[in-house]
Amino acid sequence: MPWSNQSGGGGGWKGGGPWGSGGNNGGPWGNGPQRGPSGGPPDLEELLRRSQDRLKQVLPGGGGGGLGWRTVLVAGVAVAVLWLATGFYRVEQGEVGVEMVFGRYIGMTQPGLNYNWPYPVGSVETPDVLRIRETTVGLREIEAVRGGPSSGVDVPEESLMLTADENIVDVDFKVLWRISNAPDYLFNIQNPEATVKAVSESAMREVVGRTNIQRVLTDQREQVQVQVQSLMQHILDSYKSGIEINQVQMLKVDPPQQVIDAFRDVQAARADQERVQNEAQAYANRVIPEARGEASQIVESANGYRDRSVAEAQGQTSRFLSILAEYSKAPDITRERLYLETMQKVLGSSDKIIIDDKAGGPGVVPYLPLDRLQSRPAAQPRAATSGQSSSQSPLSGQTFSGQDLSGAVK
């Protein structure tokens, strides 16, 4: 047996153990604790030194001085725990977490505390999907010094564009956009800012190239902005960029600096032309309805006069026919009645002076209202005196003889 003592016999174990000595002093560390020279407690420093020497001989490596496997294991576990703990991350409000393992997308996380495999196994991107980003084309913004207002420098190679009528226009504009799909934004395009700028410049050149310069400078700026926004969104969606265009703002739309004065003169002339046209149109809108109203009034008056004349003629015809029927029955009475009605109609509305030429003297009937003759104007000629065979009414201007009037007075 490997544990037998070659110098002993019988049982093969000397002292009852494999360490070569038995009794109370046997064990893996050699002899048991030694008493001091005077039988007191052992020397602790010597005991510790011996124990370290025995441990170095038992552990792997012999007496080479390396660390033990248990120490290495504990250190490895501690390092692994610390490495795994680095996988915790926090997503802020307005952000989303895009988790990847060995560079492959595995999912998204919402704001809060989350966990993913630590680097280099896993990684996390946290783009801000709510922040509105700005991209300016045709203008380089320069930050102000010491808090002053910022300024911009025009970039002609970006802003000069050709219109449909072969004119050059200087367009500076700004694009507002945000992230709509974080994985597409991170994995499908390499440089989002440069991509948005290139797409916006291309879309603006295409839309301006289909529009005349006059419309770009005046009344179609809103339409140009809407068309550019729609075209940019279509192009970016075809790239699967995960970008949403919120708005396109045209900051400045002017002719080139060399001819801007001539363009402003043309603009002023066209503004005057439009103003005169608007004034003429307003005058026409005011005069034409008035003329139409007057024409309608004249037509209605003529129709009324026509209807009244026709009605009066029809009434007179009916009256004449009625009188003719009565006249055929009693001609003398009807003639006398017609005469009396005619004289009543003629003399009823005028002052009358009746003179009897057969009576001597003035021949004026005493019961006539002579006070009305005194109230006439002085320029009015007086009535004819007696001895004349005719008399003229001062008001009606008609002359009646005494013989004609004598039969009318009863």
Protein backbone atom coordinates (compact mmCIF):
# COMPACT_ATOMS: atom_id res chain seq x y z
CA MET A 1 0.00 0.00 0.00
CA PRO A 2 1.22 3.51 -0.68
CA TRP A 3 0.60 4.62 2.83
CA SER A 4 2.55 1.69 4.48
CA ASN A 5 5.62 2.38 6.51
CA GLN A 6 8.47 0.29 5.07
CA SER A 7 10.28 0.19 8.37
CA GLY A 8 7.33 -1.18 10.31
CA GLY A 9 5.35 -4.36 10.01
CA GLY A 10 2.01 -5.83 10.76
CA GLY A 11 -0.81 -3.38 10.02
CA GLY A 12 0.87 -1.39 7.23
CA TRP A 13 0.04 2.02 8.88
CA LYS A 14 2.42 3.20 11.51
CA GLY A 15 0.70 5.28 14.07
CA GLY A 16 -2.69 5.03 12.26
CA GLY A 17 -2.31 7.54 9.42
CA PRO A 18 -0.84 8.19 6.02
CA TRP A 19 1.31 11.08 7.14
CA GLY A 20 4.01 8.85 8.49
CA SER A 21 3.64 9.31 12.24
CA GLY A 22 0.83 8.45 14.51
CA GLY A 23 -0.27 9.19 17.98
CA ASN A 24 -1.26 12.59 19.11
CA ASN A 25 1.37 14.20 16.95
CA GLY A 26 0.14 12.79 13.57
CA GLY A 27 -1.59 14.84 10.88
CA PRO A 28 -1.02 16.42 7.52
CA TRP A 29 1.14 19.19 8.94
CA GLY A 30 3.74 16.81 10.37
CA ASN A 31 4.09 16.70 14.07
CA GLY A 32 1.45 18.21 16.25
CA PRO A 33 1.82 21.46 18.09
CA GLN A 34 5.09 21.58 19.90
CA ARG A 35 5.32 22.77 23.37
CA GLY A 36 7.65 25.42 24.35
CA PRO A 37 10.98 24.66 26.03
CA SER A 38 9.44 24.97 29.46
CA GLY A 39 6.22 23.14 28.52
CA GLY A 40 4.26 26.40 27.89
CA PRO A 41 2.29 27.44 24.79
CA PRO A 42 3.96 27.06 21.35
CA ASP A 43 5.55 29.92 19.44
CA LEU A 44 2.82 31.34 17.16
CA GLU A 45 5.17 32.92 14.66
CA GLU A 46 7.00 29.63 14.17
CA LEU A 47 3.73 27.76 13.83
CA LEU A 48 2.45 30.22 11.19
CA ARG A 49 5.68 29.99 9.23
CA ARG A 50 5.56 26.21 9.19
CA SER A 51 1.91 26.23 8.10
CA GLN A 52 2.70 28.50 5.16
CA ASP A 53 5.53 26.26 4.08
CA ARG A 54 3.33 23.16 4.21
CA LEU A 55 0.55 24.97 2.24
CA LYS A 56 2.94 25.96 -0.53
CA GLN A 57 4.03 22.32 -0.85
CA VAL A 58 0.43 20.98 -0.99
CA LEU A 59 -1.10 23.57 -3.46
CA PRO A 60 -0.42 23.29 -7.19
CA GLY A 61 2.84 24.85 -8.20
CA GLY A 62 4.69 23.45 -5.32
CA GLY A 63 6.71 26.15 -3.74
CA GLY A 64 6.70 28.44 -6.82
CA GLY A 65 5.04 31.36 -5.01
CA GLY A 66 1.86 31.69 -7.28
CA LEU A 67 -1.72 32.40 -6.00
CA GLY A 68 -4.01 29.50 -5.17
CA TRP A 69 -6.83 28.33 -7.44
CA ARG A 70 -9.45 29.40 -4.93
CA THR A 71 -8.16 32.94 -4.93
CA VAL A 72 -8.16 33.02 -8.71
CA LEU A 73 -11.73 31.67 -8.79
CA VAL A 74 -12.98 34.26 -6.31
CA ALA A 75 -11.31 37.05 -8.26
CA GLY A 76 -12.78 35.76 -11.54
CA VAL A 77 -16.28 35.62 -10.05
CA ALA A 78 -15.93 39.16 -8.73
CA VAL A 79 -14.79 40.46 -12.10
CA ALA A 80 -17.67 38.66 -13.84
CA VAL A 81 -20.21 40.18 -11.44
CA LEU A 82 -18.82 43.65 -11.96
CA TRP A 83 -18.89 43.15 -15.76
CA LEU A 84 -22.49 41.99 -15.72
CA ALA A 85 -23.44 44.95 -13.53
CA THR A 86 -22.28 47.33 -16.23
CA GLY A 87 -25.19 46.16 -18.40
CA PHE A 88 -27.69 48.39 -16.59
CA TYR A 89 -28.54 51.60 -18.44
CA ARG A 90 -31.08 54.39 -18.19
CA VAL A 91 -33.28 55.80 -20.96
CA GLU A 92 -34.33 59.43 -20.46
CA GLN A 93 -37.67 60.98 -21.33
CA GLY A 94 -38.07 61.56 -25.07
CA GLU A 95 -35.54 58.83 -25.87
CA VAL A 96 -35.83 55.16 -26.80
CA GLY A 97 -33.30 52.44 -26.17
CA VAL A 98 -32.15 50.39 -29.15
CA GLU A 99 -30.55 47.18 -27.89
CA MET A 100 -27.99 45.18 -29.89
CA VAL A 101 -26.17 41.91 -29.21
CA PHE A 102 -23.00 41.31 -31.23
CA GLY A 103 -24.07 44.27 -33.40
CA ARG A 104 -27.49 42.80 -34.24
CA TYR A 105 -30.70 44.67 -33.34
CA ILE A 106 -32.86 42.77 -30.84
CA GLY A 107 -35.45 45.30 -29.63
CA MET A 108 -36.34 48.71 -28.21
CA THR A 109 -36.90 49.82 -24.64
CA GLN A 110 -38.91 52.68 -23.18
CA PRO A 111 -37.72 55.43 -20.78
CA GLY A 112 -36.55 54.11 -17.42
CA LEU A 113 -33.96 51.67 -16.05
CA ASN A 114 -33.23 48.75 -18.41
CA TYR A 115 -30.65 46.01 -18.87
CA ASN A 116 -28.71 44.57 -21.78
CA TRP A 117 -25.60 42.48 -22.20
CA PRO A 118 -22.52 44.59 -21.37
CA TYR A 119 -19.85 45.58 -23.85
CA PRO A 120 -18.45 43.97 -25.96
CA VAL A 121 -21.30 41.43 -26.16
CA GLY A 122 -24.09 43.99 -26.23
CA SER A 123 -24.51 47.70 -26.84
CA VAL A 124 -27.32 50.28 -26.58
CA GLU A 125 -28.12 53.44 -28.54
CA THR A 126 -30.53 56.02 -27.06
CA PRO A 127 -31.56 58.52 -29.77
CA ASP A 128 -33.90 61.39 -28.85
CA VAL A 129 -37.03 60.80 -30.95
CA LEU A 130 -38.97 63.88 -29.74
CA ARG A 131 -36.39 66.59 -30.38
CA ILE A 132 -37.01 68.71 -33.49
CA ARG A 133 -33.79 69.03 -35.47
CA GLU A 134 -32.95 71.82 -37.93
CA THR A 135 -31.00 71.70 -41.17
CA THR A 136 -30.22 74.96 -42.98
CA VAL A 137 -29.44 75.08 -46.70
CA GLY A 138 -27.84 78.05 -48.44
CA LEU A 139 -26.76 79.73 -45.22
CA ARG A 140 -23.93 79.13 -42.76
CA GLU A 141 -24.86 80.28 -39.29
CA ILE A 142 -22.01 81.78 -37.27
CA GLU A 143 -22.29 81.82 -33.51
CA ALA A 144 -22.10 85.23 -31.93
CA VAL A 145 -19.20 86.28 -29.74
CA ARG A 146 -19.95 87.18 -26.10
CA GLY A 147 -23.67 86.54 -26.32
CA GLY A 148 -24.39 88.81 -29.30
CA PRO A 149 -26.85 87.97 -32.09
CA SER A 150 -25.85 85.20 -34.44
CA SER A 151 -25.17 85.96 -38.09
CA GLY A 152 -25.20 84.00 -41.32
CA VAL A 153 -23.02 83.76 -44.38
CA ASP A 154 -24.63 83.03 -47.73
CA VAL A 155 -23.43 79.91 -49.56
CA PRO A 156 -24.07 80.49 -53.30
CA GLU A 157 -23.27 76.93 -54.34
CA GLU A 158 -26.22 75.75 -52.25
CA SER A 159 -28.69 78.62 -52.67
CA LEU A 160 -28.50 79.61 -56.36
CA MET A 161 -31.14 77.73 -58.36
CA LEU A 162 -32.54 77.85 -61.91
CA THR A 163 -36.28 78.48 -62.41
CA ALA A 164 -38.58 77.20 -65.17
CA ASP A 165 -38.27 80.46 -67.16
CA GLU A 166 -34.44 80.22 -67.09
CA ASN A 167 -33.87 82.81 -64.37
CA ILE A 168 -31.59 82.44 -61.36
CA VAL A 169 -32.99 82.84 -57.88
CA ASP A 170 -31.23 82.81 -54.50
CA VAL A 171 -33.15 80.57 -52.04
CA ASP A 172 -32.19 80.09 -48.38
CA PHE A 173 -34.41 77.70 -46.43
CA LYS A 174 -34.56 75.62 -43.29
CA VAL A 175 -35.86 72.07 -42.76
CA LEU A 176 -37.37 70.92 -39.44
CA TRP A 177 -37.34 67.16 -38.90
CA ARG A 178 -37.35 64.47 -36.22
CA ILE A 179 -36.75 60.73 -35.80
CA SER A 180 -39.84 58.64 -36.50
CA ASN A 181 -38.25 55.14 -36.46
CA ALA A 182 -35.14 54.75 -34.34
CA PRO A 183 -33.83 51.41 -35.77
CA ASP A 184 -34.17 52.61 -39.36
CA TYR A 185 -32.53 55.91 -38.41
CA LEU A 186 -29.54 54.15 -36.83
CA PHE A 187 -28.98 51.28 -39.27
CA ASN A 188 -30.19 52.39 -42.73
CA ILE A 189 -28.36 55.69 -43.20
CA GLN A 190 -24.79 56.47 -42.25
CA ASN A 191 -24.90 60.27 -41.87
CA PRO A 192 -28.46 61.50 -41.16
CA GLU A 193 -27.62 65.22 -41.11
CA ALA A 194 -25.82 65.13 -44.45
CA THR A 195 -28.55 62.92 -45.95
CA VAL A 196 -31.32 65.34 -44.96
CA LYS A 197 -29.37 68.29 -46.30
CA ALA A 198 -28.64 66.63 -49.64
CA VAL A 199 -32.26 65.48 -50.07
CA SER A 200 -33.64 68.91 -49.15
CA GLU A 201 -31.38 70.73 -51.61
CA SER A 202 -32.26 68.28 -54.38
CA ALA A 203 -36.01 68.57 -53.71
CA MET A 204 -35.91 72.38 -53.61
CA ARG A 205 -34.01 72.54 -56.92
CA GLU A 206 -36.56 70.23 -58.55
CA VAL A 207 -39.59 72.22 -57.36
CA VAL A 208 -38.05 75.61 -58.19
CA GLY A 209 -37.03 74.27 -61.60
CA ARG A 210 -40.73 73.63 -62.36
CA THR A 211 -41.87 77.12 -61.27
CA ASN A 212 -41.48 80.57 -62.83
CA ILE A 213 -39.42 83.09 -60.91
CA GLN A 214 -42.34 85.49 -60.52
CA ARG A 215 -44.42 82.88 -58.72
CA VAL A 216 -41.51 81.86 -56.53
CA LEU A 217 -40.95 85.49 -55.49
CA THR A 218 -44.61 86.37 -54.87
CA ASP A 219 -47.70 84.25 -54.44
CA GLN A 220 -46.54 80.62 -54.60
CA ARG A 221 -43.98 80.45 -51.81
CA GLU A 222 -46.37 78.47 -49.60
CA GLN A 223 -47.05 76.02 -52.40
CA VAL A 224 -43.32 75.57 -53.04
CA GLN A 225 -42.72 74.80 -49.35
CA VAL A 226 -45.50 72.20 -49.29
CA GLN A 227 -44.26 70.55 -52.49
CA VAL A 228 -40.66 70.40 -51.20
CA GLN A 229 -41.80 68.85 -47.92
CA SER A 230 -43.85 66.20 -49.71
CA LEU A 231 -41.03 65.36 -52.13
CA MET A 232 -38.44 65.11 -49.33
CA GLN A 233 -40.66 62.79 -47.31
CA HIS A 234 -41.17 60.55 -50.34
CA ILE A 235 -37.41 60.29 -50.98
CA LEU A 236 -36.52 59.64 -47.32
CA ASP A 237 -39.24 57.00 -47.05
CA SER A 238 -37.77 55.24 -50.08
CA TYR A 239 -34.44 55.17 -48.20
CA LYS A 240 -36.20 53.76 -45.07
CA SER A 241 -34.40 56.46 -43.14
CA GLY A 242 -36.82 56.67 -40.18
CA ILE A 243 -36.99 60.47 -40.56
CA GLU A 244 -40.14 62.59 -40.59
CA ILE A 245 -40.11 66.07 -42.19
CA ASN A 246 -42.19 68.47 -40.08
CA GLN A 247 -41.83 71.72 -42.01
CA VAL A 248 -39.88 73.53 -44.72
CA GLN A 249 -39.34 77.27 -44.13
CA MET A 250 -38.08 79.53 -46.93
CA LEU A 251 -35.94 82.13 -45.16
CA LYS A 252 -35.00 84.28 -48.17
CA VAL A 253 -36.04 84.24 -51.82
CA ASP A 254 -34.31 86.95 -53.87
CA PRO A 255 -32.78 87.38 -57.30
CA PRO A 256 -28.98 87.32 -57.47
CA GLN A 257 -27.27 90.27 -55.83
CA GLN A 258 -26.02 91.64 -59.15
CA VAL A 259 -29.53 92.20 -60.59
CA ILE A 260 -31.62 92.63 -57.45
CA ASP A 261 -32.24 96.36 -58.08
CA ALA A 262 -33.68 95.70 -61.54
CA PHE A 263 -35.88 92.94 -60.17
CA ARG A 264 -37.19 95.25 -57.45
CA ASP A 265 -38.12 97.85 -60.07
CA VAL A 266 -39.97 95.19 -62.02
CA GLN A 267 -41.70 94.06 -58.87
CA ALA A 268 -42.80 97.63 -58.10
CA ALA A 269 -44.15 98.08 -61.64
CA ARG A 270 -46.08 94.82 -61.42
CA ALA A 271 -47.46 95.82 -58.04
CA ASP A 272 -48.70 99.10 -59.54
CA GLN A 273 -50.21 97.18 -62.43
CA GLU A 274 -52.05 94.86 -60.09
CA ARG A 275 -53.23 97.82 -58.00
CA VAL A 276 -54.65 99.62 -61.06
CA GLN A 277 -56.30 96.44 -62.25
CA ASN A 278 -57.86 95.91 -58.86
CA GLU A 279 -59.14 99.49 -58.78
CA ALA A 280 -60.61 99.12 -62.29
CA GLN A 281 -62.22 95.85 -61.33
CA ALA A 282 -63.68 97.44 -58.20
CA TYR A 283 -65.07 100.35 -60.27
CA ALA A 284 -66.56 97.89 -62.76
CA ASN A 285 -68.07 95.87 -59.95
CA ARG A 286 -69.68 99.03 -58.60
CA VAL A 287 -70.87 100.62 -61.90
CA ILE A 288 -72.16 97.55 -63.69
CA PRO A 289 -74.67 96.58 -60.97
CA GLU A 290 -75.85 100.20 -60.76
CA ALA A 291 -76.36 100.33 -64.54
CA ARG A 292 -78.17 97.03 -64.49
CA GLY A 293 -80.36 98.29 -61.67
CA GLU A 294 -81.23 101.48 -63.54
CA ALA A 295 -81.95 99.49 -66.69
CA SER A 296 -84.25 97.21 -64.75
CA GLN A 297 -85.97 100.22 -63.20
CA ILE A 298 -86.55 101.82 -66.64
CA VAL A 299 -87.89 98.58 -68.04
CA GLU A 300 -90.24 98.15 -65.08
CA SER A 301 -91.42 101.77 -65.39
CA ALA A 302 -92.07 101.30 -69.10
CA ASN A 303 -93.97 98.10 -68.39
CA GLY A 304 -96.00 99.90 -65.75
CA TYR A 305 -96.77 102.79 -68.09
CA ARG A 306 -97.76 100.34 -70.80
CA ASP A 307 -100.05 98.44 -68.48
CA ARG A 308 -101.58 101.66 -67.16
CA SER A 309 -102.16 103.07 -70.66
CA VAL A 310 -103.69 99.81 -71.86
CA ALA A 311 -105.92 99.66 -68.81
CA GLU A 312 -107.04 103.30 -69.23
CA ALA A 313 -107.72 102.77 -72.93
CA GLN A 314 -109.70 99.65 -72.17
CA GLY A 315 -111.63 101.55 -69.48
CA GLN A 316 -112.37 104.44 -71.82
CA THR A 317 -113.46 101.99 -74.48
CA SER A 318 -115.78 100.28 -72.04
CA ARG A 319 -117.16 103.65 -70.88
CA PHE A 320 -117.67 104.80 -74.48
CA LEU A 321 -119.50 101.61 -75.33
CA SER A 322 -121.70 102.02 -72.27
CA ILE A 323 -122.50 105.63 -73.17
CA LEU A 324 -123.15 104.62 -76.78
CA ALA A 325 -125.67 102.09 -75.60
CA GLU A 326 -127.45 104.70 -73.50
CA TYR A 327 -127.20 107.28 -76.28
CA SER A 328 -128.94 104.95 -78.70
CA LYS A 329 -131.82 104.71 -76.27
CA ALA A 330 -132.22 108.52 -75.54
CA PRO A 331 -130.00 110.72 -77.72
CA ASP A 332 -131.22 114.17 -76.49
CA ILE A 333 -130.98 113.39 -72.81
CA THR A 334 -127.61 111.76 -73.28
CA ARG A 335 -126.20 114.74 -75.21
CA GLU A 336 -127.40 117.16 -72.52
CA ARG A 337 -125.95 114.96 -69.79
CA LEU A 338 -122.64 114.70 -71.56
CA TYR A 339 -122.55 118.47 -72.02
CA LEU A 340 -123.30 119.13 -68.38
CA GLU A 341 -120.69 116.59 -67.19
CA THR A 342 -118.12 118.11 -69.54
CA MET A 343 -118.79 121.66 -68.35
CA GLN A 344 -118.70 120.48 -64.75
CA LYS A 345 -115.32 118.88 -65.34
CA VAL A 346 -113.91 121.94 -67.12
CA LEU A 347 -115.33 124.68 -64.88
CA GLY A 348 -115.33 122.79 -61.62
CA SER A 349 -111.67 123.42 -60.86
CA SER A 350 -111.50 127.15 -61.86
CA ASP A 351 -112.93 130.43 -60.69
CA LYS A 352 -115.89 131.56 -62.75
CA ILE A 353 -117.28 135.01 -63.60
CA ILE A 354 -120.75 135.00 -65.11
CA ILE A 355 -121.83 138.08 -67.07
CA ASP A 356 -125.28 138.61 -68.41
CA ASP A 357 -125.04 140.83 -71.49
CA LYS A 358 -128.82 141.44 -71.56
CA ALA A 359 -128.91 143.14 -68.18
CA GLY A 360 -127.89 146.75 -68.10
CA GLY A 361 -124.87 148.01 -66.31
CA PRO A 362 -121.98 145.80 -65.40
CA GLY A 363 -124.15 142.69 -65.48
CA VAL A 364 -122.35 140.99 -62.62
CA VAL A 365 -124.50 138.67 -60.56
CA PRO A 366 -124.46 139.89 -56.94
CA TYR A 367 -123.96 136.49 -55.31
CA LEU A 368 -120.63 135.79 -56.97
CA PRO A 369 -117.57 135.56 -54.60
CA LEU A 370 -116.06 138.95 -55.46
CA ASP A 371 -113.48 138.71 -52.62
CA ARG A 372 -111.52 136.16 -54.68
CA LEU A 373 -111.13 138.70 -57.51
CA GLN A 374 -109.46 141.13 -55.08
CA SER A 375 -106.96 138.52 -53.86
CA ARG A 376 -105.45 137.91 -57.33
CA PRO A 377 -101.97 139.18 -58.21
CA ALA A 378 -101.73 142.74 -59.55
CA ALA A 379 -100.14 141.57 -62.79
CA GLN A 380 -103.22 139.53 -63.60
CA PRO A 381 -105.44 141.42 -66.16
CA ARG A 382 -108.92 142.39 -65.02
CA ALA A 383 -112.05 140.85 -66.43
CA ALA A 384 -113.79 142.45 -69.39
CA THR A 385 -116.59 144.96 -68.58
CA SER A 386 -120.09 145.01 -69.84
CA GLY A 387 -120.77 145.85 -73.52
CA GLN A 388 -118.38 143.05 -74.63
CA SER A 389 -119.77 139.92 -76.15
CA SER A 390 -117.16 137.59 -74.56
CA SER A 391 -115.43 137.01 -71.16
CA GLN A 392 -112.13 135.31 -70.27
CA SER A 393 -111.62 133.25 -67.14
CA PRO A 394 -108.64 134.62 -65.21
CA LEU A 395 -107.55 131.22 -64.06
CA SER A 396 -108.26 128.84 -66.86
CA GLY A 397 -107.46 131.22 -69.72
CA GLN A 398 -110.59 130.16 -71.63
CA THR A 399 -113.20 132.62 -73.03
CA PHE A 400 -116.87 131.90 -72.80
CA SER A 401 -119.65 133.99 -74.38
CA GLY A 402 -122.71 134.98 -72.42
CA GLN A 403 -124.98 133.07 -74.71
CA ASP A 404 -123.02 129.88 -74.21
CA LEU A 405 -123.00 130.26 -70.42
CA SER A 406 -126.60 131.32 -70.05
CA GLY A 407 -127.87 127.88 -70.82
CA ALA A 408 -125.48 126.27 -68.36
CA VAL A 409 -126.70 128.31 -65.39
CA LYS A 410 -130.00 127.14 -63.98
